[in-house]
Amino acid sequence: MQTKLKNLTRKTAIILMALQGLATMGCTPSLTLQTQVELPVPLTAEMPLSVAVHYSEAFRNYAYTENSDDRANWNIQCGASQVVVFDRVLSALFATVVQVDGTSYQGGHPPDMIFVPEVEDMQFALPQETHTDLYEAWIKYRIMVYYPDGQPIGVWPVSGYGKTSTELFKGRDEGLNIAINAAFRDIGAKVTLGFAQSEVFKQWQGGRPAGLQP
């Protein structure tokens, strides 16, 4: 009888261990990641315009957070990288770029327009979630553009996508960081190449005050 009880206890322990393993399969461990951006200076024809940019505290300190069954305690800190991306892209695109504290300009020589980027959405995908060998990142911004007096010109949506393969980066943190970097580069290219064709620029051209003619 004692032998049978021991065998039963051993089987019960094995079953419990197996159930525990099944319960934890697919669960993603917690994640804390500070993104590191590597963005080359864009090669583009400089527009003869002066612009100001305002980075809100929410933008400077932005972090993607999620706490779900599949993604427990995710915290991806992107704020500092975002500022680097927009600083580098805008400085390459425009003749003069200055930072301001709000959506209007107080000073003697007003810029042609003011940019205020905001994060609209971020999404990420891991290989085990999509059953591929890719780490993926999607980032979407709303760039609000104002006249120097604070009157709105329009909103320019810009989104970027990045990916990398597990064949190159096997670690989750490194794979996500590379995918996010690729999304930042995609956004940089779209801002650099797309602003002259954007609706906000056309609106500015059609409605700018005479004193702001370049």
N, C-alpha and C. Protein backbone atom coordinates (compact mmCIF):
# COMPACT_ATOMS: atom_id res chain seq x y z
N MET A 1 0.83 -1.21 0.00
CA MET A 1 0.00 0.00 0.00
C MET A 1 0.86 1.25 0.00
N GLN A 2 1.94 1.22 0.83
CA GLN A 2 2.81 2.39 0.91
C GLN A 2 3.49 2.65 -0.42
N THR A 3 3.88 1.57 -1.13
CA THR A 3 4.52 1.74 -2.44
C THR A 3 3.56 2.36 -3.42
N LYS A 4 2.29 1.91 -3.38
CA LYS A 4 1.29 2.47 -4.29
C LYS A 4 1.08 3.95 -4.02
N LEU A 5 1.08 4.35 -2.72
CA LEU A 5 0.90 5.75 -2.37
C LEU A 5 2.07 6.59 -2.87
N LYS A 6 3.29 6.04 -2.74
CA LYS A 6 4.46 6.76 -3.23
C LYS A 6 4.39 6.95 -4.74
N ASN A 7 3.98 5.87 -5.46
CA ASN A 7 3.87 5.99 -6.91
C ASN A 7 2.82 7.01 -7.30
N LEU A 8 1.69 7.02 -6.56
CA LEU A 8 0.61 7.96 -6.84
C LEU A 8 1.08 9.39 -6.58
N THR A 9 1.81 9.58 -5.48
CA THR A 9 2.32 10.92 -5.16
C THR A 9 3.29 11.39 -6.24
N ARG A 10 4.16 10.48 -6.71
CA ARG A 10 5.13 10.84 -7.75
C ARG A 10 4.41 11.22 -9.04
N LYS A 11 3.38 10.46 -9.40
CA LYS A 11 2.62 10.75 -10.62
C LYS A 11 1.89 12.09 -10.49
N THR A 12 1.34 12.33 -9.29
CA THR A 12 0.64 13.60 -9.07
C THR A 12 1.59 14.78 -9.22
N ALA A 13 2.80 14.64 -8.69
CA ALA A 13 3.78 15.71 -8.79
C ALA A 13 4.15 15.97 -10.25
N ILE A 14 4.31 14.89 -11.01
CA ILE A 14 4.66 15.03 -12.43
C ILE A 14 3.54 15.75 -13.18
N ILE A 15 2.29 15.35 -12.88
CA ILE A 15 1.15 15.97 -13.54
C ILE A 15 1.07 17.46 -13.21
N LEU A 16 1.28 17.79 -11.93
CA LEU A 16 1.23 19.20 -11.51
C LEU A 16 2.33 20.01 -12.18
N MET A 17 3.52 19.44 -12.30
CA MET A 17 4.61 20.13 -12.97
C MET A 17 4.29 20.36 -14.43
N ALA A 18 3.67 19.35 -15.07
CA ALA A 18 3.31 19.48 -16.48
C ALA A 18 2.25 20.55 -16.67
N LEU A 19 1.26 20.58 -15.76
CA LEU A 19 0.21 21.60 -15.86
C LEU A 19 0.78 23.00 -15.66
N GLN A 20 1.73 23.10 -14.72
CA GLN A 20 2.36 24.39 -14.48
C GLN A 20 3.14 24.85 -15.70
N GLY A 21 3.81 23.91 -16.36
CA GLY A 21 4.54 24.25 -17.58
C GLY A 21 3.61 24.71 -18.67
N LEU A 22 2.46 24.02 -18.81
CA LEU A 22 1.49 24.44 -19.83
C LEU A 22 0.93 25.81 -19.52
N ALA A 23 0.74 26.09 -18.25
CA ALA A 23 0.16 27.39 -17.87
C ALA A 23 1.10 28.53 -18.18
N THR A 24 2.41 28.26 -18.10
CA THR A 24 3.37 29.33 -18.33
C THR A 24 3.84 29.40 -19.77
N MET A 25 3.54 28.41 -20.59
CA MET A 25 3.93 28.45 -21.99
C MET A 25 3.24 29.62 -22.68
N GLY A 26 4.00 30.36 -23.44
CA GLY A 26 3.44 31.48 -24.18
C GLY A 26 3.44 32.77 -23.39
N CYS A 27 3.65 32.72 -22.09
CA CYS A 27 3.71 33.93 -21.28
C CYS A 27 5.06 34.60 -21.49
N THR A 28 5.04 35.89 -21.76
CA THR A 28 6.26 36.63 -22.00
C THR A 28 6.77 37.21 -20.69
N PRO A 29 8.04 37.00 -20.35
CA PRO A 29 8.57 37.57 -19.10
C PRO A 29 8.48 39.09 -19.14
N SER A 30 8.64 39.70 -17.97
CA SER A 30 8.60 41.15 -17.88
C SER A 30 9.72 41.75 -18.73
N LEU A 31 9.50 43.00 -19.14
CA LEU A 31 10.44 43.65 -20.05
C LEU A 31 10.62 45.10 -19.64
N THR A 32 11.86 45.51 -19.45
CA THR A 32 12.21 46.91 -19.26
C THR A 32 13.31 47.22 -20.27
N LEU A 33 13.01 48.13 -21.21
CA LEU A 33 13.93 48.40 -22.31
C LEU A 33 14.06 49.89 -22.53
N GLN A 34 15.29 50.38 -22.56
CA GLN A 34 15.58 51.76 -22.93
C GLN A 34 16.09 51.73 -24.36
N THR A 35 15.32 52.27 -25.30
CA THR A 35 15.72 52.18 -26.69
C THR A 35 16.98 53.00 -26.95
N GLN A 36 17.80 52.49 -27.84
CA GLN A 36 19.03 53.16 -28.27
C GLN A 36 18.92 53.41 -29.77
N VAL A 37 18.88 54.68 -30.17
CA VAL A 37 18.66 55.00 -31.57
C VAL A 37 19.99 55.23 -32.28
N GLU A 38 20.07 54.68 -33.49
CA GLU A 38 21.21 54.91 -34.37
C GLU A 38 20.65 55.39 -35.71
N LEU A 39 20.63 56.70 -35.88
CA LEU A 39 20.02 57.29 -37.07
C LEU A 39 21.04 58.17 -37.78
N PRO A 40 21.44 57.80 -39.00
CA PRO A 40 22.38 58.66 -39.72
C PRO A 40 21.73 59.98 -40.11
N VAL A 41 22.54 61.00 -40.32
CA VAL A 41 22.01 62.29 -40.76
C VAL A 41 21.40 62.13 -42.14
N PRO A 42 20.12 62.46 -42.30
CA PRO A 42 19.47 62.27 -43.61
C PRO A 42 20.13 63.13 -44.69
N LEU A 43 20.27 62.55 -45.86
CA LEU A 43 20.80 63.27 -47.01
C LEU A 43 19.63 63.83 -47.80
N THR A 44 19.41 65.13 -47.68
CA THR A 44 18.26 65.75 -48.35
C THR A 44 18.58 67.20 -48.66
N ALA A 45 17.86 67.75 -49.64
CA ALA A 45 18.00 69.16 -49.96
C ALA A 45 17.36 69.98 -48.85
N GLU A 46 18.12 70.92 -48.31
CA GLU A 46 17.63 71.74 -47.21
C GLU A 46 16.59 72.75 -47.70
N MET A 47 15.47 72.83 -47.01
CA MET A 47 14.44 73.81 -47.35
C MET A 47 14.79 75.15 -46.68
N PRO A 48 14.67 76.25 -47.39
CA PRO A 48 15.06 77.56 -46.84
C PRO A 48 14.00 78.11 -45.88
N LEU A 49 13.71 77.36 -44.84
CA LEU A 49 12.70 77.74 -43.87
C LEU A 49 13.28 77.63 -42.47
N SER A 50 12.72 78.41 -41.57
CA SER A 50 13.07 78.29 -40.15
C SER A 50 11.86 77.72 -39.42
N VAL A 51 12.10 76.73 -38.58
CA VAL A 51 11.01 76.11 -37.84
C VAL A 51 11.39 76.02 -36.37
N ALA A 52 10.36 75.95 -35.54
CA ALA A 52 10.55 75.68 -34.11
C ALA A 52 9.88 74.34 -33.82
N VAL A 53 10.36 73.68 -32.78
CA VAL A 53 9.77 72.40 -32.38
C VAL A 53 9.55 72.41 -30.88
N HIS A 54 8.40 71.89 -30.49
CA HIS A 54 8.07 71.79 -29.07
C HIS A 54 7.91 70.32 -28.71
N TYR A 55 8.70 69.85 -27.76
CA TYR A 55 8.58 68.50 -27.23
C TYR A 55 7.94 68.59 -25.85
N SER A 56 6.75 68.08 -25.73
CA SER A 56 6.09 68.09 -24.42
C SER A 56 6.80 67.13 -23.48
N GLU A 57 6.52 67.27 -22.18
CA GLU A 57 7.11 66.35 -21.20
C GLU A 57 6.65 64.92 -21.46
N ALA A 58 5.39 64.79 -21.89
CA ALA A 58 4.88 63.45 -22.19
C ALA A 58 5.64 62.82 -23.35
N PHE A 59 6.03 63.64 -24.33
CA PHE A 59 6.77 63.14 -25.48
C PHE A 59 8.21 62.80 -25.08
N ARG A 60 8.84 63.70 -24.31
CA ARG A 60 10.23 63.47 -23.90
C ARG A 60 10.37 62.23 -23.02
N ASN A 61 9.35 61.95 -22.24
CA ASN A 61 9.43 60.85 -21.28
C ASN A 61 8.55 59.66 -21.67
N TYR A 62 8.18 59.59 -22.93
CA TYR A 62 7.21 58.57 -23.34
C TYR A 62 7.76 57.16 -23.12
N ALA A 63 6.89 56.31 -22.59
CA ALA A 63 7.22 54.89 -22.44
C ALA A 63 5.99 54.07 -22.82
N TYR A 64 6.21 53.07 -23.64
CA TYR A 64 5.14 52.11 -23.96
C TYR A 64 5.03 51.14 -22.79
N THR A 65 3.84 51.04 -22.22
CA THR A 65 3.65 50.14 -21.09
C THR A 65 2.49 49.19 -21.38
N GLU A 66 2.63 47.99 -20.90
CA GLU A 66 1.57 46.98 -21.04
C GLU A 66 1.71 45.97 -19.91
N ASN A 67 0.60 45.56 -19.37
CA ASN A 67 0.61 44.54 -18.34
C ASN A 67 -0.58 43.62 -18.57
N SER A 68 -0.36 42.59 -19.38
CA SER A 68 -1.41 41.65 -19.73
C SER A 68 -0.93 40.23 -19.43
N ASP A 69 -1.79 39.27 -19.69
CA ASP A 69 -1.41 37.88 -19.44
C ASP A 69 -0.21 37.48 -20.29
N ASP A 70 -0.15 37.99 -21.52
CA ASP A 70 0.94 37.61 -22.43
C ASP A 70 2.16 38.51 -22.28
N ARG A 71 1.94 39.75 -21.80
CA ARG A 71 3.05 40.70 -21.69
C ARG A 71 3.01 41.34 -20.30
N ALA A 72 3.61 40.66 -19.37
CA ALA A 72 3.58 41.12 -17.99
C ALA A 72 4.62 42.20 -17.76
N ASN A 73 4.16 43.37 -17.31
CA ASN A 73 5.06 44.45 -16.90
C ASN A 73 6.04 44.85 -18.01
N TRP A 74 5.50 45.16 -19.16
CA TRP A 74 6.34 45.67 -20.25
C TRP A 74 6.51 47.17 -20.07
N ASN A 75 7.73 47.64 -20.24
CA ASN A 75 8.04 49.07 -20.18
C ASN A 75 9.15 49.37 -21.17
N ILE A 76 8.78 49.96 -22.31
CA ILE A 76 9.75 50.31 -23.35
C ILE A 76 9.87 51.83 -23.39
N GLN A 77 10.98 52.35 -22.93
CA GLN A 77 11.18 53.78 -22.81
C GLN A 77 11.77 54.33 -24.11
N CYS A 78 10.97 55.16 -24.79
CA CYS A 78 11.33 55.65 -26.12
C CYS A 78 11.52 57.17 -26.19
N GLY A 79 11.22 57.88 -25.10
CA GLY A 79 11.19 59.33 -25.15
C GLY A 79 12.47 59.98 -25.64
N ALA A 80 13.60 59.63 -25.04
CA ALA A 80 14.87 60.25 -25.42
C ALA A 80 15.21 59.95 -26.88
N SER A 81 14.93 58.73 -27.34
CA SER A 81 15.22 58.36 -28.72
C SER A 81 14.36 59.15 -29.70
N GLN A 82 13.10 59.38 -29.34
CA GLN A 82 12.22 60.15 -30.21
C GLN A 82 12.75 61.56 -30.43
N VAL A 83 13.21 62.19 -29.36
CA VAL A 83 13.75 63.54 -29.46
C VAL A 83 14.97 63.56 -30.38
N VAL A 84 15.84 62.57 -30.25
CA VAL A 84 17.02 62.48 -31.12
C VAL A 84 16.59 62.36 -32.58
N VAL A 85 15.61 61.53 -32.85
CA VAL A 85 15.14 61.32 -34.23
C VAL A 85 14.63 62.61 -34.82
N PHE A 86 13.73 63.29 -34.13
CA PHE A 86 13.14 64.51 -34.69
C PHE A 86 14.17 65.64 -34.76
N ASP A 87 15.05 65.75 -33.79
CA ASP A 87 16.10 66.77 -33.86
C ASP A 87 16.96 66.58 -35.11
N ARG A 88 17.36 65.35 -35.34
CA ARG A 88 18.26 65.07 -36.45
C ARG A 88 17.57 65.27 -37.80
N VAL A 89 16.33 64.82 -37.89
CA VAL A 89 15.61 64.92 -39.16
C VAL A 89 15.26 66.37 -39.48
N LEU A 90 14.73 67.10 -38.51
CA LEU A 90 14.33 68.48 -38.76
C LEU A 90 15.55 69.36 -39.05
N SER A 91 16.66 69.11 -38.36
CA SER A 91 17.87 69.90 -38.60
C SER A 91 18.43 69.68 -40.00
N ALA A 92 18.23 68.48 -40.53
CA ALA A 92 18.68 68.21 -41.90
C ALA A 92 17.73 68.78 -42.94
N LEU A 93 16.45 68.89 -42.58
CA LEU A 93 15.43 69.30 -43.55
C LEU A 93 15.31 70.81 -43.67
N PHE A 94 15.50 71.53 -42.56
CA PHE A 94 15.27 72.98 -42.55
C PHE A 94 16.54 73.76 -42.25
N ALA A 95 16.57 75.00 -42.73
CA ALA A 95 17.76 75.83 -42.56
C ALA A 95 18.02 76.16 -41.09
N THR A 96 16.96 76.41 -40.34
CA THR A 96 17.09 76.77 -38.93
C THR A 96 16.06 76.02 -38.11
N VAL A 97 16.47 75.47 -36.98
CA VAL A 97 15.56 74.77 -36.07
C VAL A 97 15.87 75.21 -34.65
N VAL A 98 14.84 75.64 -33.94
CA VAL A 98 14.99 76.01 -32.53
C VAL A 98 13.92 75.29 -31.72
N GLN A 99 14.17 75.11 -30.44
CA GLN A 99 13.18 74.51 -29.56
C GLN A 99 12.44 75.61 -28.79
N VAL A 100 11.14 75.41 -28.60
CA VAL A 100 10.32 76.37 -27.87
C VAL A 100 9.53 75.63 -26.79
N ASP A 101 8.96 76.41 -25.88
CA ASP A 101 8.29 75.83 -24.73
C ASP A 101 6.80 75.60 -24.93
N GLY A 102 6.26 75.98 -26.07
CA GLY A 102 4.83 75.81 -26.29
C GLY A 102 4.49 75.86 -27.76
N THR A 103 3.23 76.08 -28.07
CA THR A 103 2.76 76.06 -29.44
C THR A 103 2.71 77.46 -30.07
N SER A 104 3.29 78.45 -29.40
CA SER A 104 3.42 79.78 -29.98
C SER A 104 4.83 80.29 -29.71
N TYR A 105 5.24 81.28 -30.49
CA TYR A 105 6.61 81.77 -30.41
C TYR A 105 6.64 83.17 -29.82
N GLN A 106 7.51 83.36 -28.85
CA GLN A 106 7.69 84.67 -28.25
C GLN A 106 9.13 85.11 -28.53
N GLY A 107 9.29 86.08 -29.41
CA GLY A 107 10.63 86.52 -29.75
C GLY A 107 10.61 87.50 -30.91
N GLY A 108 11.80 87.97 -31.28
CA GLY A 108 11.87 88.99 -32.31
C GLY A 108 11.81 88.47 -33.73
N HIS A 109 12.32 87.28 -33.99
CA HIS A 109 12.34 86.74 -35.35
C HIS A 109 11.58 85.41 -35.36
N PRO A 110 10.29 85.46 -35.61
CA PRO A 110 9.48 84.23 -35.54
C PRO A 110 9.85 83.23 -36.62
N PRO A 111 9.74 81.95 -36.32
CA PRO A 111 9.97 80.92 -37.34
C PRO A 111 8.80 80.88 -38.32
N ASP A 112 8.97 80.15 -39.38
CA ASP A 112 7.89 80.01 -40.36
C ASP A 112 6.75 79.16 -39.81
N MET A 113 7.07 78.18 -38.98
CA MET A 113 6.04 77.31 -38.40
C MET A 113 6.60 76.60 -37.19
N ILE A 114 5.70 76.01 -36.41
CA ILE A 114 6.08 75.30 -35.20
C ILE A 114 5.58 73.86 -35.29
N PHE A 115 6.46 72.91 -35.02
CA PHE A 115 6.13 71.48 -35.03
C PHE A 115 5.94 70.99 -33.60
N VAL A 116 4.89 70.18 -33.39
CA VAL A 116 4.65 69.56 -32.09
C VAL A 116 4.30 68.09 -32.32
N PRO A 117 5.28 67.19 -32.21
CA PRO A 117 4.98 65.76 -32.42
C PRO A 117 4.37 65.12 -31.19
N GLU A 118 3.45 64.19 -31.44
CA GLU A 118 2.84 63.40 -30.36
C GLU A 118 2.78 61.94 -30.79
N VAL A 119 2.92 61.05 -29.83
CA VAL A 119 2.78 59.61 -30.11
C VAL A 119 1.30 59.27 -30.19
N GLU A 120 0.92 58.69 -31.30
CA GLU A 120 -0.47 58.23 -31.43
C GLU A 120 -0.61 56.75 -31.10
N ASP A 121 0.37 55.94 -31.52
CA ASP A 121 0.24 54.51 -31.29
C ASP A 121 1.60 53.83 -31.44
N MET A 122 1.82 52.80 -30.65
CA MET A 122 2.97 51.92 -30.80
C MET A 122 2.50 50.48 -30.66
N GLN A 123 3.02 49.61 -31.51
CA GLN A 123 2.69 48.19 -31.44
C GLN A 123 3.96 47.38 -31.70
N PHE A 124 4.01 46.22 -31.06
CA PHE A 124 5.18 45.35 -31.20
C PHE A 124 4.72 43.90 -31.36
N ALA A 125 5.53 43.12 -32.04
CA ALA A 125 5.22 41.71 -32.23
C ALA A 125 6.49 40.89 -32.04
N LEU A 126 6.35 39.78 -31.32
CA LEU A 126 7.46 38.87 -31.08
C LEU A 126 7.31 37.63 -31.96
N PRO A 127 8.40 36.95 -32.26
CA PRO A 127 8.33 35.77 -33.13
C PRO A 127 7.34 34.72 -32.65
N GLN A 128 7.31 34.47 -31.34
CA GLN A 128 6.41 33.43 -30.83
C GLN A 128 4.95 33.84 -30.90
N GLU A 129 4.69 35.14 -31.05
CA GLU A 129 3.32 35.61 -31.15
C GLU A 129 2.78 35.49 -32.57
N THR A 130 3.66 35.72 -33.55
CA THR A 130 3.23 35.73 -34.96
C THR A 130 3.65 34.46 -35.70
N HIS A 131 4.37 33.58 -35.00
CA HIS A 131 4.85 32.33 -35.60
C HIS A 131 5.69 32.60 -36.84
N THR A 132 6.53 33.65 -36.74
CA THR A 132 7.52 33.95 -37.78
C THR A 132 8.88 34.05 -37.10
N ASP A 133 9.89 34.44 -37.85
CA ASP A 133 11.22 34.65 -37.25
C ASP A 133 11.52 36.13 -37.10
N LEU A 134 10.47 36.96 -36.97
CA LEU A 134 10.64 38.41 -36.97
C LEU A 134 10.25 39.07 -35.66
N TYR A 135 11.06 40.04 -35.26
CA TYR A 135 10.66 41.04 -34.28
C TYR A 135 10.17 42.25 -35.08
N GLU A 136 9.00 42.79 -34.73
CA GLU A 136 8.40 43.86 -35.51
C GLU A 136 7.98 45.02 -34.61
N ALA A 137 8.01 46.23 -35.19
CA ALA A 137 7.60 47.43 -34.46
C ALA A 137 6.86 48.36 -35.41
N TRP A 138 5.74 48.91 -34.91
CA TRP A 138 4.97 49.92 -35.65
C TRP A 138 4.86 51.15 -34.75
N ILE A 139 5.17 52.32 -35.29
CA ILE A 139 5.09 53.56 -34.53
C ILE A 139 4.33 54.59 -35.37
N LYS A 140 3.38 55.27 -34.75
CA LYS A 140 2.60 56.29 -35.46
C LYS A 140 2.61 57.58 -34.66
N TYR A 141 2.90 58.69 -35.37
CA TYR A 141 2.92 60.01 -34.76
C TYR A 141 1.87 60.91 -35.39
N ARG A 142 1.43 61.87 -34.59
CA ARG A 142 0.66 63.01 -35.08
C ARG A 142 1.55 64.23 -34.93
N ILE A 143 1.93 64.84 -36.05
CA ILE A 143 2.74 66.05 -35.98
C ILE A 143 1.83 67.24 -36.21
N MET A 144 1.57 67.97 -35.15
CA MET A 144 0.72 69.15 -35.24
C MET A 144 1.59 70.34 -35.63
N VAL A 145 1.12 71.12 -36.59
CA VAL A 145 1.90 72.23 -37.13
C VAL A 145 1.12 73.53 -36.91
N TYR A 146 1.82 74.55 -36.40
CA TYR A 146 1.19 75.82 -36.04
C TYR A 146 1.92 76.98 -36.71
N TYR A 147 1.17 78.09 -36.89
CA TYR A 147 1.79 79.37 -37.20
C TYR A 147 2.49 79.86 -35.93
N PRO A 148 3.42 80.80 -36.06
CA PRO A 148 4.15 81.29 -34.87
C PRO A 148 3.25 81.87 -33.79
N ASP A 149 2.08 82.38 -34.15
CA ASP A 149 1.18 82.95 -33.14
C ASP A 149 0.34 81.89 -32.45
N GLY A 150 0.54 80.63 -32.78
CA GLY A 150 -0.19 79.55 -32.13
C GLY A 150 -1.43 79.07 -32.86
N GLN A 151 -1.76 79.71 -33.98
CA GLN A 151 -2.90 79.26 -34.77
C GLN A 151 -2.55 77.97 -35.50
N PRO A 152 -3.43 76.98 -35.45
CA PRO A 152 -3.10 75.69 -36.08
C PRO A 152 -3.12 75.76 -37.60
N ILE A 153 -2.16 75.09 -38.21
CA ILE A 153 -2.12 74.92 -39.66
C ILE A 153 -2.75 73.58 -40.04
N GLY A 154 -2.40 72.53 -39.33
CA GLY A 154 -2.95 71.22 -39.62
C GLY A 154 -2.21 70.14 -38.85
N VAL A 155 -2.63 68.91 -39.08
CA VAL A 155 -2.02 67.75 -38.44
C VAL A 155 -1.50 66.80 -39.51
N TRP A 156 -0.28 66.37 -39.35
CA TRP A 156 0.37 65.49 -40.32
C TRP A 156 0.64 64.13 -39.66
N PRO A 157 -0.09 63.09 -40.05
CA PRO A 157 0.17 61.76 -39.50
C PRO A 157 1.36 61.10 -40.22
N VAL A 158 2.28 60.56 -39.44
CA VAL A 158 3.45 59.88 -40.00
C VAL A 158 3.65 58.58 -39.23
N SER A 159 3.78 57.49 -39.95
CA SER A 159 3.96 56.20 -39.30
C SER A 159 5.18 55.49 -39.88
N GLY A 160 5.75 54.60 -39.08
CA GLY A 160 6.92 53.84 -39.51
C GLY A 160 6.83 52.39 -39.09
N TYR A 161 7.49 51.54 -39.83
CA TYR A 161 7.51 50.10 -39.56
C TYR A 161 8.95 49.61 -39.59
N GLY A 162 9.29 48.74 -38.65
CA GLY A 162 10.62 48.15 -38.63
C GLY A 162 10.57 46.69 -38.23
N LYS A 163 11.55 45.94 -38.68
CA LYS A 163 11.61 44.52 -38.36
C LYS A 163 13.05 44.04 -38.37
N THR A 164 13.29 42.93 -37.73
CA THR A 164 14.57 42.25 -37.81
C THR A 164 14.35 40.76 -37.57
N SER A 165 15.25 39.96 -38.05
CA SER A 165 15.10 38.51 -37.99
C SER A 165 15.80 37.92 -36.78
N THR A 166 15.24 36.84 -36.29
CA THR A 166 15.88 36.12 -35.18
C THR A 166 17.20 35.50 -35.61
N GLU A 167 17.42 35.35 -36.91
CA GLU A 167 18.69 34.81 -37.38
C GLU A 167 19.83 35.77 -37.09
N LEU A 168 19.52 37.07 -37.01
CA LEU A 168 20.55 38.06 -36.74
C LEU A 168 20.61 38.43 -35.27
N PHE A 169 19.43 38.51 -34.62
CA PHE A 169 19.37 38.93 -33.23
C PHE A 169 18.48 37.95 -32.47
N LYS A 170 19.11 37.10 -31.70
CA LYS A 170 18.36 36.03 -31.04
C LYS A 170 17.71 36.50 -29.74
N GLY A 171 18.25 37.52 -29.10
CA GLY A 171 17.70 37.98 -27.84
C GLY A 171 16.48 38.87 -28.05
N ARG A 172 15.49 38.74 -27.16
CA ARG A 172 14.26 39.52 -27.29
C ARG A 172 14.52 41.02 -27.21
N ASP A 173 15.29 41.45 -26.20
CA ASP A 173 15.53 42.88 -26.01
C ASP A 173 16.27 43.48 -27.20
N GLU A 174 17.30 42.79 -27.66
CA GLU A 174 18.08 43.30 -28.79
C GLU A 174 17.23 43.30 -30.06
N GLY A 175 16.46 42.24 -30.26
CA GLY A 175 15.62 42.18 -31.45
C GLY A 175 14.59 43.29 -31.50
N LEU A 176 13.94 43.56 -30.35
CA LEU A 176 12.97 44.65 -30.30
C LEU A 176 13.63 46.00 -30.54
N ASN A 177 14.80 46.20 -29.94
CA ASN A 177 15.48 47.49 -30.10
C ASN A 177 15.85 47.74 -31.56
N ILE A 178 16.33 46.72 -32.25
CA ILE A 178 16.68 46.87 -33.66
C ILE A 178 15.44 47.15 -34.51
N ALA A 179 14.34 46.46 -34.21
CA ALA A 179 13.09 46.70 -34.95
C ALA A 179 12.58 48.12 -34.72
N ILE A 180 12.67 48.61 -33.47
CA ILE A 180 12.25 49.98 -33.17
C ILE A 180 13.13 50.98 -33.90
N ASN A 181 14.44 50.72 -33.94
CA ASN A 181 15.35 51.57 -34.68
C ASN A 181 14.97 51.65 -36.15
N ALA A 182 14.62 50.51 -36.73
CA ALA A 182 14.22 50.49 -38.13
C ALA A 182 12.95 51.30 -38.35
N ALA A 183 12.01 51.24 -37.39
CA ALA A 183 10.80 52.04 -37.50
C ALA A 183 11.12 53.53 -37.40
N PHE A 184 12.05 53.90 -36.52
CA PHE A 184 12.49 55.30 -36.42
C PHE A 184 13.10 55.77 -37.74
N ARG A 185 13.93 54.94 -38.36
CA ARG A 185 14.54 55.31 -39.65
C ARG A 185 13.49 55.48 -40.72
N ASP A 186 12.47 54.62 -40.69
CA ASP A 186 11.38 54.72 -41.66
C ASP A 186 10.63 56.05 -41.47
N ILE A 187 10.39 56.42 -40.24
CA ILE A 187 9.73 57.70 -39.96
C ILE A 187 10.61 58.85 -40.41
N GLY A 188 11.90 58.78 -40.13
CA GLY A 188 12.81 59.83 -40.56
C GLY A 188 12.79 60.03 -42.06
N ALA A 189 12.78 58.93 -42.80
CA ALA A 189 12.74 59.02 -44.25
C ALA A 189 11.43 59.64 -44.73
N LYS A 190 10.33 59.27 -44.10
CA LYS A 190 9.03 59.79 -44.52
C LYS A 190 8.89 61.28 -44.22
N VAL A 191 9.43 61.71 -43.08
CA VAL A 191 9.39 63.14 -42.77
C VAL A 191 10.26 63.91 -43.75
N THR A 192 11.46 63.40 -43.99
CA THR A 192 12.41 64.09 -44.87
C THR A 192 11.88 64.18 -46.30
N LEU A 193 11.38 63.08 -46.81
CA LEU A 193 10.96 63.03 -48.21
C LEU A 193 9.53 63.48 -48.43
N GLY A 194 8.72 63.45 -47.37
CA GLY A 194 7.29 63.69 -47.57
C GLY A 194 6.77 65.05 -47.18
N PHE A 195 7.59 65.86 -46.47
CA PHE A 195 7.03 67.11 -45.98
C PHE A 195 6.62 68.05 -47.11
N ALA A 196 7.43 68.16 -48.13
CA ALA A 196 7.13 69.10 -49.23
C ALA A 196 5.84 68.73 -49.95
N GLN A 197 5.40 67.46 -49.84
CA GLN A 197 4.15 67.03 -50.48
C GLN A 197 3.01 66.89 -49.49
N SER A 198 3.25 67.20 -48.24
CA SER A 198 2.22 67.00 -47.22
C SER A 198 1.14 68.07 -47.30
N GLU A 199 -0.02 67.74 -46.75
CA GLU A 199 -1.14 68.68 -46.76
C GLU A 199 -0.87 69.89 -45.87
N VAL A 200 -0.13 69.68 -44.78
CA VAL A 200 0.15 70.82 -43.89
C VAL A 200 1.05 71.83 -44.58
N PHE A 201 2.01 71.36 -45.37
CA PHE A 201 2.87 72.30 -46.08
C PHE A 201 2.09 73.05 -47.16
N LYS A 202 1.20 72.34 -47.85
CA LYS A 202 0.38 73.00 -48.86
C LYS A 202 -0.54 74.03 -48.22
N GLN A 203 -1.08 73.69 -47.05
CA GLN A 203 -1.92 74.64 -46.32
C GLN A 203 -1.12 75.87 -45.91
N TRP A 204 0.10 75.65 -45.44
CA TRP A 204 0.96 76.77 -45.05
C TRP A 204 1.27 77.65 -46.27
N GLN A 205 1.56 77.03 -47.39
CA GLN A 205 1.84 77.80 -48.60
C GLN A 205 0.65 78.64 -49.03
N GLY A 206 -0.55 78.09 -48.89
CA GLY A 206 -1.73 78.80 -49.35
C GLY A 206 -2.25 79.81 -48.38
N GLY A 207 -1.93 79.68 -47.08
CA GLY A 207 -2.56 80.55 -46.11
C GLY A 207 -1.62 81.32 -45.23
N ARG A 208 -0.31 81.28 -45.47
CA ARG A 208 0.65 81.95 -44.59
C ARG A 208 0.50 83.47 -44.69
N PRO A 209 0.65 84.17 -43.62
CA PRO A 209 0.63 85.63 -43.66
C PRO A 209 1.73 86.19 -44.53
N ALA A 210 1.48 87.37 -45.10
CA ALA A 210 2.45 87.97 -46.03
C ALA A 210 3.81 88.18 -45.37
N GLY A 211 3.82 88.47 -44.08
CA GLY A 211 5.08 88.71 -43.37
C GLY A 211 5.93 87.46 -43.20
N LEU A 212 5.36 86.28 -43.49
CA LEU A 212 6.11 85.04 -43.34
C LEU A 212 6.56 84.47 -44.68
N GLN A 213 6.46 85.25 -45.75
CA GLN A 213 6.93 84.76 -47.04
C GLN A 213 8.42 84.51 -46.99
N PRO A 214 8.87 83.36 -47.48
CA PRO A 214 10.32 83.08 -47.41
C PRO A 214 11.10 83.94 -48.40
